[in-house]
């Protein structure tokens, strides 16, 4: 997880092996556009979504992002 000095998200990535196959998610944020690249075995997909400028990434079950949320509360 990468955040700017104001705890706004800039990037997130998760890499794993699921049933012996590579699985990864990489997201980057530019303004209110979040672009995500997903690899699941031999398949890949890209997607861009509009998000709020003060969005918080909470990729459960990973706990690190909750640090950013705690700083805002």
C-alpha atoms as a PDB file:
ATOM      1  CA  UNK A   1       0.000   0.000   0.000  1.00  0.00           C
ATOM      2  CA  UNK A   2       1.246   3.458  -0.839  1.00  0.00           C
ATOM      3  CA  UNK A   3      -0.337   6.629   0.479  1.00  0.00           C
ATOM      4  CA  UNK A   4       0.532  10.292   0.031  1.00  0.00           C
ATOM      5  CA  UNK A   5       1.329  12.530   3.056  1.00  0.00           C
ATOM      6  CA  UNK A   6      -2.440  13.140   3.555  1.00  0.00           C
ATOM      7  CA  UNK A   7      -3.155   9.377   3.641  1.00  0.00           C
ATOM      8  CA  UNK A   8      -4.836   9.362   0.233  1.00  0.00           C
ATOM      9  CA  UNK A   9      -4.201   6.117  -1.672  1.00  0.00           C
ATOM     10  CA  UNK A  10      -1.667   6.117  -4.510  1.00  0.00           C
ATOM     11  CA  UNK A  11      -1.043   2.409  -5.159  1.00  0.00           C
ATOM     12  CA  UNK A  12      -1.803  -1.060  -3.860  1.00  0.00           C
ATOM     13  CA  UNK A  13      -0.595  -4.490  -4.855  1.00  0.00           C
ATOM     14  CA  UNK A  14      -1.228  -8.054  -3.768  1.00  0.00           C
ATOM     15  CA  UNK A  15       0.706 -11.022  -5.096  1.00  0.00           C
ATOM     16  CA  UNK A  16      -0.105 -14.614  -4.206  1.00  0.00           C
ATOM     17  CA  UNK A  17      -0.168 -18.179  -5.404  1.00  0.00           C
ATOM     18  CA  UNK A  18      -3.637 -19.719  -5.526  1.00  0.00           C
ATOM     19  CA  UNK A  19      -3.945 -23.424  -6.282  1.00  0.00           C
ATOM     20  CA  UNK A  20      -0.453 -23.319  -7.781  1.00  0.00           C
ATOM     21  CA  UNK A  21      -1.212 -20.387 -10.092  1.00  0.00           C
ATOM     22  CA  UNK A  22      -0.029 -16.782  -9.929  1.00  0.00           C
ATOM     23  CA  UNK A  23      -2.623 -14.289  -8.730  1.00  0.00           C
ATOM     24  CA  UNK A  24      -1.895 -10.579  -8.507  1.00  0.00           C
ATOM     25  CA  UNK A  25      -3.752  -7.299  -8.263  1.00  0.00           C
ATOM     26  CA  UNK A  26      -2.020  -3.976  -8.890  1.00  0.00           C
ATOM     27  CA  UNK A  27      -3.938  -0.726  -8.549  1.00  0.00           C
ATOM     28  CA  UNK A  28      -2.752   2.827  -9.091  1.00  0.00           C
ATOM     29  CA  UNK A  29      -4.607   6.054  -8.408  1.00  0.00           C
ATOM     30  CA  UNK A  30      -4.357   9.285 -10.388  1.00  0.00           C
ATOM     31  CA  UNK A  31      -6.779  11.902  -9.124  1.00  0.00           C
ATOM     32  CA  UNK A  32     -10.147  10.152  -8.986  1.00  0.00           C
ATOM     33  CA  UNK A  33      -9.221   7.346 -11.413  1.00  0.00           C
ATOM     34  CA  UNK A  34      -8.210   3.970  -9.976  1.00  0.00           C
ATOM     35  CA  UNK A  35      -6.703   1.630 -12.564  1.00  0.00           C
ATOM     36  CA  UNK A  36      -6.430  -2.044 -11.654  1.00  0.00           C
ATOM     37  CA  UNK A  37      -4.519  -4.837 -13.407  1.00  0.00           C
ATOM     38  CA  UNK A  38      -5.465  -8.387 -12.360  1.00  0.00           C
ATOM     39  CA  UNK A  39      -3.592 -11.567 -13.275  1.00  0.00           C
ATOM     40  CA  UNK A  40      -5.258 -14.879 -12.443  1.00  0.00           C
ATOM     41  CA  UNK A  41      -3.197 -17.766 -13.786  1.00  0.00           C
ATOM     42  CA  UNK A  42      -2.933 -17.206 -17.531  1.00  0.00           C
ATOM     43  CA  UNK A  43      -5.725 -14.624 -17.696  1.00  0.00           C
ATOM     44  CA  UNK A  44      -5.207 -10.884 -17.289  1.00  0.00           C
ATOM     45  CA  UNK A  45      -7.671  -7.998 -17.160  1.00  0.00           C
ATOM     46  CA  UNK A  46      -7.554  -4.228 -16.722  1.00  0.00           C
ATOM     47  CA  UNK A  47     -10.201  -1.935 -15.321  1.00  0.00           C
ATOM     48  CA  UNK A  48     -10.465   1.767 -14.488  1.00  0.00           C
ATOM     49  CA  UNK A  49     -13.002   3.075 -11.976  1.00  0.00           C
ATOM     50  CA  UNK A  50     -13.846   6.512 -10.643  1.00  0.00           C
ATOM     51  CA  UNK A  51     -13.273   6.795  -6.897  1.00  0.00           C
ATOM     52  CA  UNK A  52     -13.711   9.530  -4.312  1.00  0.00           C
ATOM     53  CA  UNK A  53     -10.633  11.722  -3.813  1.00  0.00           C
ATOM     54  CA  UNK A  54     -10.474  10.635  -0.153  1.00  0.00           C
ATOM     55  CA  UNK A  55     -11.101   6.921  -0.767  1.00  0.00           C
ATOM     56  CA  UNK A  56      -9.462   4.310   1.468  1.00  0.00           C
ATOM     57  CA  UNK A  57      -8.233   0.973   0.127  1.00  0.00           C
ATOM     58  CA  UNK A  58      -9.279  -1.879   2.431  1.00  0.00           C
ATOM     59  CA  UNK A  59      -8.236  -5.108   0.694  1.00  0.00           C
ATOM     60  CA  UNK A  60      -9.482  -7.571   3.301  1.00  0.00           C
ATOM     61  CA  UNK A  61      -8.027  -9.754   4.847  1.00  0.00           C
ATOM     62  CA  UNK A  62      -4.908  -7.582   4.857  1.00  0.00           C
ATOM     63  CA  UNK A  63      -4.609  -5.322   7.899  1.00  0.00           C
ATOM     64  CA  UNK A  64      -2.037  -2.718   6.840  1.00  0.00           C
ATOM     65  CA  UNK A  65      -4.591  -0.415   5.151  1.00  0.00           C
ATOM     66  CA  UNK A  66      -6.451  -0.011   8.413  1.00  0.00           C
ATOM     67  CA  UNK A  67      -3.492   2.120   9.598  1.00  0.00           C
ATOM     68  CA  UNK A  68      -4.456   4.740   7.032  1.00  0.00           C
ATOM     69  CA  UNK A  69      -8.082   4.631   8.116  1.00  0.00           C
ATOM     70  CA  UNK A  70      -7.087   4.998  11.777  1.00  0.00           C
ATOM     71  CA  UNK A  71      -5.119   8.171  11.009  1.00  0.00           C
ATOM     72  CA  UNK A  72      -8.221   9.727   9.472  1.00  0.00           C
ATOM     73  CA  UNK A  73     -10.474   8.937  12.407  1.00  0.00           C
END
